[in-house]
Amino acid sequence: MLLTATDAGQIALEFLMADWNILEKDRQWFVIVNSSLIGQSWYIVELAVEGFPDRWYIQVYDTGACDPNYTFISPISGSDGYVDLGDLPHLVAEVLVSERNAR
């Protein structure tokens, strides 16, 4: 395996930022929570918005490619409202609203 856990985390983070068209100034809100090697050929990378319980799980293969069918998990559903998002930049809040509504 040529990728390290750190490499896989950065690749997954860049993948999510590109998928959501996150502006450079808003990228600081997203963090790599964990990056775990699964078997010999891929990692599962856990990403989050810092301080929030929502999580993205992205598979990163040893080729550096990400599976576009990532998993999003949150204990907060869209029907619970969005009062917790008030202090986030607009685009970051939109991402969480969209993901919560899609589950």
N, C-alpha and C. Protein backbone atom coordinates (compact mmCIF):
# COMPACT_ATOMS: atom_id res chain seq x y z
N MET A 1 0.86 -1.17 0.00
CA MET A 1 0.00 0.00 0.00
C MET A 1 0.90 1.22 0.00
N LEU A 2 0.75 2.03 -1.02
CA LEU A 2 1.56 3.24 -1.13
C LEU A 2 0.95 4.42 -0.38
N LEU A 3 -0.36 4.40 -0.18
CA LEU A 3 -1.02 5.49 0.54
C LEU A 3 -0.86 5.31 2.04
N THR A 4 -0.67 6.41 2.72
CA THR A 4 -0.71 6.39 4.19
C THR A 4 -2.10 6.81 4.63
N ALA A 5 -2.39 6.65 5.90
CA ALA A 5 -3.67 7.08 6.44
C ALA A 5 -3.84 8.59 6.27
N THR A 6 -2.76 9.32 6.43
CA THR A 6 -2.81 10.78 6.26
C THR A 6 -3.12 11.14 4.81
N ASP A 7 -2.46 10.45 3.86
CA ASP A 7 -2.73 10.68 2.43
C ASP A 7 -4.20 10.41 2.11
N ALA A 8 -4.70 9.27 2.59
CA ALA A 8 -6.09 8.90 2.33
C ALA A 8 -7.04 9.95 2.90
N GLY A 9 -6.75 10.45 4.09
CA GLY A 9 -7.59 11.48 4.70
C GLY A 9 -7.63 12.74 3.85
N GLN A 10 -6.48 13.17 3.38
CA GLN A 10 -6.41 14.38 2.54
C GLN A 10 -7.14 14.18 1.21
N ILE A 11 -6.99 13.00 0.62
CA ILE A 11 -7.67 12.71 -0.65
C ILE A 11 -9.19 12.74 -0.45
N ALA A 12 -9.67 12.13 0.63
CA ALA A 12 -11.11 12.12 0.91
C ALA A 12 -11.62 13.53 1.17
N LEU A 13 -10.86 14.31 1.92
CA LEU A 13 -11.26 15.69 2.21
C LEU A 13 -11.35 16.50 0.92
N GLU A 14 -10.36 16.39 0.06
CA GLU A 14 -10.39 17.11 -1.22
C GLU A 14 -11.55 16.64 -2.10
N PHE A 15 -11.83 15.35 -2.06
CA PHE A 15 -12.95 14.81 -2.82
C PHE A 15 -14.27 15.44 -2.36
N LEU A 16 -14.48 15.49 -1.04
CA LEU A 16 -15.73 16.06 -0.51
C LEU A 16 -15.81 17.56 -0.82
N MET A 17 -14.69 18.27 -0.70
CA MET A 17 -14.69 19.70 -0.99
C MET A 17 -15.05 19.95 -2.46
N ALA A 18 -14.51 19.13 -3.35
CA ALA A 18 -14.82 19.28 -4.78
C ALA A 18 -16.26 18.87 -5.07
N ASP A 19 -16.73 17.82 -4.42
CA ASP A 19 -18.10 17.35 -4.65
C ASP A 19 -19.13 18.42 -4.28
N TRP A 20 -18.85 19.16 -3.23
CA TRP A 20 -19.78 20.19 -2.76
C TRP A 20 -19.36 21.60 -3.19
N ASN A 21 -18.30 21.73 -3.96
CA ASN A 21 -17.81 23.05 -4.40
C ASN A 21 -17.59 24.00 -3.23
N ILE A 22 -16.94 23.50 -2.20
CA ILE A 22 -16.67 24.29 -1.00
C ILE A 22 -15.56 25.29 -1.30
N LEU A 23 -15.81 26.53 -0.98
CA LEU A 23 -14.82 27.59 -1.19
C LEU A 23 -13.63 27.40 -0.26
N GLU A 24 -12.49 27.84 -0.71
CA GLU A 24 -11.25 27.69 0.07
C GLU A 24 -11.41 28.26 1.48
N LYS A 25 -12.05 29.40 1.61
CA LYS A 25 -12.20 30.04 2.92
C LYS A 25 -13.09 29.24 3.88
N ASP A 26 -13.92 28.34 3.36
CA ASP A 26 -14.82 27.55 4.20
C ASP A 26 -14.28 26.15 4.50
N ARG A 27 -13.17 25.77 3.90
CA ARG A 27 -12.62 24.43 4.07
C ARG A 27 -12.13 24.18 5.48
N GLN A 28 -11.79 25.24 6.19
CA GLN A 28 -11.27 25.09 7.54
C GLN A 28 -12.29 24.47 8.50
N TRP A 29 -13.56 24.52 8.15
CA TRP A 29 -14.61 23.96 9.00
C TRP A 29 -14.65 22.43 8.96
N PHE A 30 -14.07 21.83 7.94
CA PHE A 30 -14.11 20.39 7.76
C PHE A 30 -12.84 19.76 8.31
N VAL A 31 -13.01 18.64 9.02
CA VAL A 31 -11.87 17.96 9.63
C VAL A 31 -11.88 16.47 9.32
N ILE A 32 -10.69 15.91 9.34
CA ILE A 32 -10.53 14.46 9.21
C ILE A 32 -10.60 13.89 10.62
N VAL A 33 -11.59 13.07 10.88
CA VAL A 33 -11.77 12.49 12.21
C VAL A 33 -10.93 11.22 12.34
N ASN A 34 -10.95 10.39 11.30
CA ASN A 34 -10.25 9.12 11.36
C ASN A 34 -9.99 8.61 9.95
N SER A 35 -8.95 7.84 9.81
CA SER A 35 -8.63 7.19 8.54
C SER A 35 -8.11 5.80 8.86
N SER A 36 -8.88 4.78 8.47
CA SER A 36 -8.53 3.40 8.84
C SER A 36 -8.30 2.54 7.62
N LEU A 37 -7.20 1.81 7.62
CA LEU A 37 -6.90 0.88 6.54
C LEU A 37 -7.81 -0.33 6.68
N ILE A 38 -8.46 -0.69 5.58
CA ILE A 38 -9.34 -1.86 5.54
C ILE A 38 -8.71 -2.85 4.56
N GLY A 39 -8.36 -4.01 5.03
CA GLY A 39 -7.69 -4.97 4.17
C GLY A 39 -6.35 -4.44 3.70
N GLN A 40 -6.04 -4.67 2.43
CA GLN A 40 -4.76 -4.24 1.90
C GLN A 40 -4.88 -3.18 0.83
N SER A 41 -6.12 -2.80 0.47
CA SER A 41 -6.21 -1.93 -0.70
C SER A 41 -7.10 -0.70 -0.56
N TRP A 42 -7.66 -0.43 0.61
CA TRP A 42 -8.44 0.80 0.73
C TRP A 42 -8.60 1.24 2.18
N TYR A 43 -8.92 2.51 2.31
CA TYR A 43 -9.16 3.14 3.60
C TYR A 43 -10.62 3.58 3.70
N ILE A 44 -11.12 3.64 4.92
CA ILE A 44 -12.37 4.33 5.22
C ILE A 44 -11.96 5.59 5.96
N VAL A 45 -12.37 6.73 5.41
CA VAL A 45 -12.03 8.02 6.01
C VAL A 45 -13.30 8.65 6.56
N GLU A 46 -13.24 9.07 7.81
CA GLU A 46 -14.36 9.73 8.48
C GLU A 46 -14.09 11.23 8.51
N LEU A 47 -15.02 12.00 7.94
CA LEU A 47 -14.91 13.46 7.90
C LEU A 47 -16.07 14.07 8.65
N ALA A 48 -15.88 15.32 9.12
CA ALA A 48 -16.93 16.01 9.85
C ALA A 48 -16.77 17.52 9.71
N VAL A 49 -17.82 18.22 10.07
CA VAL A 49 -17.72 19.66 10.29
C VAL A 49 -17.38 19.79 11.77
N GLU A 50 -16.29 20.46 12.06
CA GLU A 50 -15.80 20.53 13.43
C GLU A 50 -16.89 21.01 14.39
N GLY A 51 -17.06 20.24 15.48
CA GLY A 51 -18.03 20.59 16.50
C GLY A 51 -19.44 20.08 16.25
N PHE A 52 -19.65 19.35 15.15
CA PHE A 52 -20.98 18.83 14.81
C PHE A 52 -20.94 17.31 14.78
N PRO A 53 -22.07 16.65 15.07
CA PRO A 53 -22.09 15.18 15.13
C PRO A 53 -22.22 14.50 13.76
N ASP A 54 -22.45 15.26 12.71
CA ASP A 54 -22.63 14.70 11.37
C ASP A 54 -21.32 14.12 10.86
N ARG A 55 -21.40 12.98 10.14
CA ARG A 55 -20.20 12.32 9.64
C ARG A 55 -20.36 11.85 8.20
N TRP A 56 -19.29 11.99 7.45
CA TRP A 56 -19.18 11.41 6.11
C TRP A 56 -18.17 10.30 6.20
N TYR A 57 -18.45 9.17 5.52
CA TYR A 57 -17.52 8.05 5.45
C TYR A 57 -17.24 7.81 3.97
N ILE A 58 -15.98 7.95 3.61
CA ILE A 58 -15.58 7.87 2.21
C ILE A 58 -14.52 6.78 2.05
N GLN A 59 -14.72 5.91 1.06
CA GLN A 59 -13.72 4.89 0.74
C GLN A 59 -12.68 5.50 -0.18
N VAL A 60 -11.42 5.31 0.17
CA VAL A 60 -10.31 5.76 -0.66
C VAL A 60 -9.49 4.52 -1.01
N TYR A 61 -9.37 4.26 -2.30
CA TYR A 61 -8.65 3.08 -2.76
C TYR A 61 -7.16 3.36 -2.88
N ASP A 62 -6.38 2.29 -2.95
CA ASP A 62 -4.92 2.44 -3.03
C ASP A 62 -4.47 3.17 -4.29
N THR A 63 -5.38 3.32 -5.25
CA THR A 63 -5.07 4.09 -6.47
C THR A 63 -5.22 5.59 -6.24
N GLY A 64 -5.79 5.96 -5.09
CA GLY A 64 -6.04 7.37 -4.80
C GLY A 64 -7.44 7.81 -5.21
N ALA A 65 -8.22 6.90 -5.77
CA ALA A 65 -9.59 7.22 -6.18
C ALA A 65 -10.54 7.05 -4.99
N CYS A 66 -11.59 7.87 -4.99
CA CYS A 66 -12.63 7.79 -3.96
C CYS A 66 -13.89 7.18 -4.55
N ASP A 67 -14.57 6.38 -3.75
CA ASP A 67 -15.86 5.86 -4.16
C ASP A 67 -16.85 7.01 -4.09
N PRO A 68 -17.52 7.36 -5.19
CA PRO A 68 -18.45 8.50 -5.17
C PRO A 68 -19.70 8.24 -4.34
N ASN A 69 -19.95 7.01 -3.98
CA ASN A 69 -21.13 6.66 -3.18
C ASN A 69 -20.77 6.61 -1.71
N TYR A 70 -20.40 7.77 -1.17
CA TYR A 70 -20.02 7.83 0.24
C TYR A 70 -21.25 7.77 1.13
N THR A 71 -21.02 7.56 2.41
CA THR A 71 -22.10 7.46 3.39
C THR A 71 -22.10 8.71 4.27
N PHE A 72 -23.30 9.23 4.53
CA PHE A 72 -23.46 10.35 5.45
C PHE A 72 -24.35 9.87 6.59
N ILE A 73 -23.93 10.13 7.83
CA ILE A 73 -24.70 9.75 9.01
C ILE A 73 -24.81 10.94 9.94
N SER A 74 -26.02 11.14 10.47
CA SER A 74 -26.23 12.22 11.42
C SER A 74 -27.31 11.81 12.41
N PRO A 75 -27.14 12.16 13.68
CA PRO A 75 -28.21 11.91 14.65
C PRO A 75 -29.34 12.95 14.52
N ILE A 76 -29.12 13.95 13.68
CA ILE A 76 -30.08 15.03 13.50
C ILE A 76 -30.72 14.89 12.13
N SER A 77 -32.03 14.80 12.10
CA SER A 77 -32.71 14.71 10.81
C SER A 77 -33.18 16.10 10.39
N GLY A 78 -33.51 16.23 9.12
CA GLY A 78 -33.98 17.51 8.60
C GLY A 78 -35.21 18.01 9.33
N SER A 79 -36.05 17.10 9.80
CA SER A 79 -37.28 17.51 10.48
C SER A 79 -37.01 18.08 11.88
N ASP A 80 -35.79 17.90 12.39
CA ASP A 80 -35.44 18.44 13.71
C ASP A 80 -35.10 19.92 13.68
N GLY A 81 -35.02 20.49 12.49
CA GLY A 81 -34.68 21.91 12.36
C GLY A 81 -33.20 22.13 12.20
N TYR A 82 -32.83 23.40 12.11
CA TYR A 82 -31.44 23.74 11.79
C TYR A 82 -30.88 24.83 12.67
N VAL A 83 -31.41 24.96 13.87
CA VAL A 83 -30.94 26.02 14.76
C VAL A 83 -29.47 25.86 15.12
N ASP A 84 -28.96 24.63 15.04
CA ASP A 84 -27.56 24.39 15.39
C ASP A 84 -26.59 24.89 14.32
N LEU A 85 -27.10 25.32 13.16
CA LEU A 85 -26.24 25.71 12.04
C LEU A 85 -26.04 27.22 11.93
N GLY A 86 -26.61 27.98 12.82
CA GLY A 86 -26.61 29.43 12.72
C GLY A 86 -25.24 30.10 12.67
N ASP A 87 -24.24 29.50 13.29
CA ASP A 87 -22.92 30.12 13.33
C ASP A 87 -21.99 29.68 12.20
N LEU A 88 -22.48 28.81 11.34
CA LEU A 88 -21.66 28.32 10.23
C LEU A 88 -21.74 29.25 9.03
N PRO A 89 -20.70 29.26 8.21
CA PRO A 89 -20.80 29.98 6.93
C PRO A 89 -21.96 29.39 6.11
N HIS A 90 -22.58 30.22 5.30
CA HIS A 90 -23.78 29.83 4.56
C HIS A 90 -23.60 28.53 3.77
N LEU A 91 -22.51 28.40 3.03
CA LEU A 91 -22.31 27.22 2.20
C LEU A 91 -22.13 25.95 3.03
N VAL A 92 -21.42 26.04 4.14
CA VAL A 92 -21.22 24.88 5.01
C VAL A 92 -22.56 24.46 5.61
N ALA A 93 -23.36 25.42 6.04
CA ALA A 93 -24.70 25.11 6.57
C ALA A 93 -25.57 24.47 5.49
N GLU A 94 -25.49 24.96 4.26
CA GLU A 94 -26.26 24.39 3.16
C GLU A 94 -25.91 22.93 2.92
N VAL A 95 -24.64 22.60 3.01
CA VAL A 95 -24.20 21.23 2.83
C VAL A 95 -24.84 20.33 3.89
N LEU A 96 -24.80 20.76 5.15
CA LEU A 96 -25.39 19.96 6.22
C LEU A 96 -26.90 19.85 6.07
N VAL A 97 -27.56 20.93 5.71
CA VAL A 97 -29.02 20.89 5.49
C VAL A 97 -29.35 19.89 4.39
N SER A 98 -28.64 19.96 3.29
CA SER A 98 -28.89 19.08 2.16
C SER A 98 -28.65 17.62 2.54
N GLU A 99 -27.55 17.34 3.21
CA GLU A 99 -27.25 15.96 3.60
C GLU A 99 -28.27 15.44 4.61
N ARG A 100 -28.63 16.25 5.59
CA ARG A 100 -29.62 15.82 6.59
C ARG A 100 -30.97 15.57 5.93
N ASN A 101 -31.35 16.39 4.98
CA ASN A 101 -32.63 16.21 4.30
C ASN A 101 -32.66 14.98 3.40
N ALA A 102 -31.49 14.58 2.91
CA ALA A 102 -31.42 13.45 1.99
C ALA A 102 -31.49 12.10 2.69
N ARG A 103 -31.31 12.08 4.00
CA ARG A 103 -31.33 10.78 4.67
C ARG A 103 -32.73 10.31 4.97
